[in-house]
Amino acid sequence: MTYHAKVVGGHVALPEDLRREAGIEDGDSLVVEVDPNGGLTMKTYAQVVREVQTEFRAMAVPGSAPDDRNLVDELIAERRADAARENAKLEEWQSRQTS
């Protein structure tokens, strides 16, 4: 559906029907983007947050990375390997101290 909005004193007045249909309530923050053709896209802050969360969620899901890596599991494995090396060094040092 197409709506008519008016700019008054630097403020954009959105018709009630549009606000209701888009779920925009008094006090909501809106994000306005200008596309390359000069058109406008308006989203609520909540919509932008959901979109960004969806993008990040897709990156975090195991198997969704291009090389099927799970970065969290890799980090944990690296930390465990580091801890094992440190423990081996400590045990070696302790055995030299008691010899």
N, C-alpha and C. Protein backbone atom coordinates (compact mmCIF):
# COMPACT_ATOMS: atom_id res chain seq x y z
N MET A 1 0.84 -1.17 0.00
CA MET A 1 0.00 0.00 0.00
C MET A 1 0.89 1.24 0.00
N THR A 2 0.45 2.28 -0.59
CA THR A 2 1.19 3.54 -0.67
C THR A 2 0.55 4.55 0.28
N TYR A 3 1.40 5.29 0.99
CA TYR A 3 0.94 6.29 1.96
C TYR A 3 1.56 7.63 1.63
N HIS A 4 0.97 8.66 2.14
CA HIS A 4 1.47 10.02 1.98
C HIS A 4 1.93 10.52 3.35
N ALA A 5 3.19 10.96 3.42
CA ALA A 5 3.72 11.52 4.66
C ALA A 5 4.11 12.97 4.38
N LYS A 6 4.06 13.78 5.40
CA LYS A 6 4.34 15.21 5.23
C LYS A 6 5.49 15.61 6.14
N VAL A 7 6.39 16.46 5.61
CA VAL A 7 7.49 16.99 6.40
C VAL A 7 7.08 18.36 6.92
N VAL A 8 7.07 18.51 8.23
CA VAL A 8 6.67 19.77 8.86
C VAL A 8 7.76 20.15 9.87
N GLY A 9 8.42 21.26 9.63
CA GLY A 9 9.45 21.73 10.55
C GLY A 9 10.57 20.71 10.75
N GLY A 10 10.91 19.98 9.70
CA GLY A 10 11.98 19.00 9.79
C GLY A 10 11.55 17.65 10.34
N HIS A 11 10.28 17.51 10.68
CA HIS A 11 9.75 16.26 11.20
C HIS A 11 8.87 15.60 10.15
N VAL A 12 8.95 14.29 10.05
CA VAL A 12 8.10 13.55 9.11
C VAL A 12 6.89 13.04 9.87
N ALA A 13 5.72 13.41 9.40
CA ALA A 13 4.46 12.96 10.02
C ALA A 13 3.95 11.75 9.24
N LEU A 14 3.91 10.59 9.91
CA LEU A 14 3.43 9.36 9.26
C LEU A 14 1.97 9.14 9.58
N PRO A 15 1.17 8.77 8.59
CA PRO A 15 -0.25 8.53 8.82
C PRO A 15 -0.47 7.38 9.82
N GLU A 16 -1.54 7.49 10.57
CA GLU A 16 -1.86 6.49 11.59
C GLU A 16 -1.97 5.09 11.00
N ASP A 17 -2.60 4.95 9.83
CA ASP A 17 -2.75 3.63 9.21
C ASP A 17 -1.39 3.01 8.91
N LEU A 18 -0.46 3.81 8.42
CA LEU A 18 0.89 3.33 8.13
C LEU A 18 1.59 2.89 9.41
N ARG A 19 1.51 3.70 10.44
CA ARG A 19 2.15 3.36 11.72
C ARG A 19 1.59 2.06 12.27
N ARG A 20 0.27 1.91 12.18
CA ARG A 20 -0.37 0.70 12.70
C ARG A 20 0.08 -0.52 11.89
N GLU A 21 0.06 -0.40 10.56
CA GLU A 21 0.44 -1.52 9.69
C GLU A 21 1.90 -1.92 9.89
N ALA A 22 2.77 -0.94 10.10
CA ALA A 22 4.20 -1.20 10.26
C ALA A 22 4.57 -1.52 11.71
N GLY A 23 3.62 -1.39 12.62
CA GLY A 23 3.91 -1.67 14.03
C GLY A 23 4.75 -0.58 14.68
N ILE A 24 4.64 0.64 14.18
CA ILE A 24 5.39 1.77 14.73
C ILE A 24 4.55 2.43 15.81
N GLU A 25 5.16 2.57 16.98
CA GLU A 25 4.46 3.19 18.11
C GLU A 25 5.15 4.50 18.48
N ASP A 26 4.43 5.34 19.22
CA ASP A 26 4.99 6.61 19.68
C ASP A 26 6.30 6.34 20.41
N GLY A 27 7.32 7.11 20.06
CA GLY A 27 8.61 6.99 20.74
C GLY A 27 9.56 5.99 20.10
N ASP A 28 9.08 5.19 19.13
CA ASP A 28 9.97 4.25 18.45
C ASP A 28 11.06 5.00 17.70
N SER A 29 12.26 4.42 17.68
CA SER A 29 13.34 4.97 16.87
C SER A 29 13.26 4.34 15.49
N LEU A 30 13.45 5.16 14.47
CA LEU A 30 13.41 4.66 13.09
C LEU A 30 14.77 4.87 12.44
N VAL A 31 15.15 3.94 11.59
CA VAL A 31 16.38 4.04 10.81
C VAL A 31 15.96 4.30 9.37
N VAL A 32 16.49 5.35 8.78
CA VAL A 32 16.15 5.71 7.41
C VAL A 32 17.41 5.60 6.56
N GLU A 33 17.32 4.83 5.47
CA GLU A 33 18.45 4.68 4.56
C GLU A 33 18.07 5.27 3.20
N VAL A 34 19.06 5.87 2.55
CA VAL A 34 18.86 6.40 1.21
C VAL A 34 19.52 5.42 0.24
N ASP A 35 18.74 4.90 -0.72
CA ASP A 35 19.32 3.97 -1.69
C ASP A 35 20.00 4.76 -2.81
N PRO A 36 20.75 4.08 -3.67
CA PRO A 36 21.50 4.78 -4.73
C PRO A 36 20.62 5.61 -5.67
N ASN A 37 19.35 5.26 -5.79
CA ASN A 37 18.44 6.02 -6.66
C ASN A 37 17.76 7.18 -5.94
N GLY A 38 18.10 7.39 -4.68
CA GLY A 38 17.51 8.49 -3.92
C GLY A 38 16.24 8.10 -3.18
N GLY A 39 15.83 6.83 -3.27
CA GLY A 39 14.66 6.36 -2.54
C GLY A 39 14.98 6.15 -1.07
N LEU A 40 13.96 6.07 -0.26
CA LEU A 40 14.14 5.90 1.19
C LEU A 40 13.61 4.55 1.64
N THR A 41 14.32 3.97 2.58
CA THR A 41 13.86 2.77 3.27
C THR A 41 13.81 3.11 4.74
N MET A 42 12.67 2.86 5.37
CA MET A 42 12.51 3.19 6.79
C MET A 42 12.22 1.90 7.55
N LYS A 43 12.98 1.68 8.61
CA LYS A 43 12.79 0.50 9.45
C LYS A 43 12.79 0.93 10.91
N THR A 44 12.09 0.16 11.72
CA THR A 44 12.16 0.44 13.15
C THR A 44 13.50 -0.06 13.65
N TYR A 45 13.94 0.51 14.75
CA TYR A 45 15.20 0.09 15.37
C TYR A 45 15.12 -1.40 15.68
N ALA A 46 13.96 -1.86 16.15
CA ALA A 46 13.79 -3.27 16.49
C ALA A 46 13.97 -4.16 15.25
N GLN A 47 13.48 -3.71 14.08
CA GLN A 47 13.66 -4.49 12.86
C GLN A 47 15.14 -4.60 12.50
N VAL A 48 15.87 -3.51 12.61
CA VAL A 48 17.29 -3.51 12.29
C VAL A 48 18.03 -4.45 13.24
N VAL A 49 17.70 -4.40 14.52
CA VAL A 49 18.35 -5.28 15.50
C VAL A 49 18.08 -6.74 15.14
N ARG A 50 16.82 -7.08 14.80
CA ARG A 50 16.49 -8.46 14.42
C ARG A 50 17.27 -8.90 13.18
N GLU A 51 17.39 -8.00 12.19
CA GLU A 51 18.13 -8.34 10.98
C GLU A 51 19.60 -8.61 11.29
N VAL A 52 20.20 -7.76 12.11
CA VAL A 52 21.61 -7.94 12.45
C VAL A 52 21.79 -9.22 13.27
N GLN A 53 20.89 -9.47 14.22
CA GLN A 53 20.98 -10.70 15.01
C GLN A 53 20.88 -11.93 14.11
N THR A 54 20.00 -11.89 13.13
CA THR A 54 19.85 -13.01 12.20
C THR A 54 21.15 -13.23 11.42
N GLU A 55 21.77 -12.15 10.97
CA GLU A 55 23.03 -12.27 10.24
C GLU A 55 24.12 -12.87 11.12
N PHE A 56 24.24 -12.40 12.36
CA PHE A 56 25.26 -12.92 13.26
C PHE A 56 24.96 -14.37 13.64
N ARG A 57 23.69 -14.67 13.85
CA ARG A 57 23.31 -16.04 14.19
C ARG A 57 23.73 -17.00 13.08
N ALA A 58 23.53 -16.59 11.83
CA ALA A 58 23.92 -17.43 10.70
C ALA A 58 25.42 -17.68 10.69
N MET A 59 26.18 -16.69 11.11
CA MET A 59 27.64 -16.85 11.15
C MET A 59 28.07 -17.77 12.28
N ALA A 60 27.29 -17.84 13.35
CA ALA A 60 27.68 -18.60 14.53
C ALA A 60 27.20 -20.05 14.50
N VAL A 61 26.30 -20.39 13.61
CA VAL A 61 25.75 -21.74 13.57
C VAL A 61 26.81 -22.70 13.03
N PRO A 62 27.08 -23.80 13.74
CA PRO A 62 28.08 -24.76 13.26
C PRO A 62 27.73 -25.22 11.85
N GLY A 63 28.74 -25.25 10.99
CA GLY A 63 28.53 -25.70 9.63
C GLY A 63 28.09 -24.60 8.68
N SER A 64 27.82 -23.39 9.19
CA SER A 64 27.36 -22.33 8.29
C SER A 64 28.52 -21.56 7.69
N ALA A 65 29.71 -21.70 8.28
CA ALA A 65 30.87 -21.02 7.72
C ALA A 65 31.27 -21.71 6.42
N PRO A 66 31.85 -20.96 5.50
CA PRO A 66 32.20 -21.54 4.19
C PRO A 66 33.06 -22.79 4.29
N ASP A 67 33.93 -22.85 5.29
CA ASP A 67 34.81 -24.01 5.41
C ASP A 67 34.35 -24.96 6.52
N ASP A 68 33.09 -24.86 6.93
CA ASP A 68 32.49 -25.75 7.94
C ASP A 68 33.28 -25.78 9.25
N ARG A 69 33.84 -24.65 9.64
CA ARG A 69 34.57 -24.58 10.90
C ARG A 69 33.65 -24.06 11.99
N ASN A 70 33.86 -24.58 13.20
CA ASN A 70 33.16 -24.06 14.36
C ASN A 70 34.22 -23.33 15.18
N LEU A 71 34.19 -22.00 15.12
CA LEU A 71 35.25 -21.20 15.73
C LEU A 71 35.31 -21.35 17.24
N VAL A 72 34.18 -21.56 17.88
CA VAL A 72 34.17 -21.73 19.33
C VAL A 72 34.90 -23.02 19.70
N ASP A 73 34.58 -24.10 19.00
CA ASP A 73 35.26 -25.38 19.27
C ASP A 73 36.76 -25.26 19.00
N GLU A 74 37.13 -24.54 17.94
CA GLU A 74 38.55 -24.35 17.64
C GLU A 74 39.25 -23.60 18.77
N LEU A 75 38.61 -22.56 19.27
CA LEU A 75 39.20 -21.77 20.35
C LEU A 75 39.38 -22.62 21.60
N ILE A 76 38.36 -23.40 21.94
CA ILE A 76 38.46 -24.27 23.12
C ILE A 76 39.58 -25.27 22.94
N ALA A 77 39.69 -25.87 21.76
CA ALA A 77 40.76 -26.85 21.50
C ALA A 77 42.13 -26.20 21.62
N GLU A 78 42.26 -24.98 21.08
CA GLU A 78 43.55 -24.26 21.20
C GLU A 78 43.90 -23.99 22.65
N ARG A 79 42.92 -23.56 23.44
CA ARG A 79 43.17 -23.26 24.86
C ARG A 79 43.55 -24.53 25.63
N ARG A 80 42.90 -25.64 25.31
CA ARG A 80 43.24 -26.90 25.97
C ARG A 80 44.65 -27.35 25.60
N ALA A 81 45.03 -27.18 24.34
CA ALA A 81 46.39 -27.54 23.91
C ALA A 81 47.41 -26.64 24.60
N ASP A 82 47.11 -25.33 24.70
CA ASP A 82 48.00 -24.41 25.42
C ASP A 82 48.16 -24.83 26.87
N ALA A 83 47.06 -25.18 27.51
CA ALA A 83 47.11 -25.60 28.92
C ALA A 83 47.92 -26.88 29.07
N ALA A 84 47.77 -27.83 28.15
CA ALA A 84 48.53 -29.08 28.21
C ALA A 84 50.02 -28.80 28.07
N ARG A 85 50.40 -27.90 27.14
CA ARG A 85 51.81 -27.55 26.99
C ARG A 85 52.36 -26.89 28.25
N GLU A 86 51.58 -25.98 28.83
CA GLU A 86 52.02 -25.32 30.07
C GLU A 86 52.18 -26.33 31.20
N ASN A 87 51.25 -27.27 31.30
CA ASN A 87 51.35 -28.30 32.35
C ASN A 87 52.58 -29.17 32.14
N ALA A 88 52.88 -29.51 30.90
CA ALA A 88 54.06 -30.33 30.61
C ALA A 88 55.33 -29.57 30.99
N LYS A 89 55.38 -28.28 30.65
CA LYS A 89 56.55 -27.47 31.03
C LYS A 89 56.69 -27.38 32.54
N LEU A 90 55.58 -27.20 33.23
CA LEU A 90 55.61 -27.11 34.68
C LEU A 90 56.08 -28.42 35.30
N GLU A 91 55.58 -29.54 34.82
CA GLU A 91 55.99 -30.85 35.34
C GLU A 91 57.48 -31.08 35.09
N GLU A 92 57.95 -30.68 33.90
CA GLU A 92 59.37 -30.82 33.58
C GLU A 92 60.21 -29.99 34.53
N TRP A 93 59.79 -28.75 34.75
CA TRP A 93 60.52 -27.85 35.66
C TRP A 93 60.52 -28.42 37.08
N GLN A 94 59.35 -28.92 37.53
CA GLN A 94 59.27 -29.48 38.88
C GLN A 94 60.15 -30.72 39.03
N SER A 95 60.22 -31.55 37.99
CA SER A 95 61.06 -32.75 38.10
C SER A 95 62.54 -32.36 38.16
N ARG A 96 62.95 -31.29 37.49
CA ARG A 96 64.32 -30.84 37.55
C ARG A 96 64.64 -30.25 38.94
N GLN A 97 63.64 -29.66 39.58
CA GLN A 97 63.87 -29.04 40.89
C GLN A 97 64.04 -30.10 41.97
N THR A 98 63.40 -31.23 41.81
CA THR A 98 63.47 -32.28 42.83
C THR A 98 64.63 -33.25 42.57
N SER A 99 65.26 -33.13 41.41
CA SER A 99 66.38 -34.05 41.08
C SER A 99 67.67 -33.57 41.67
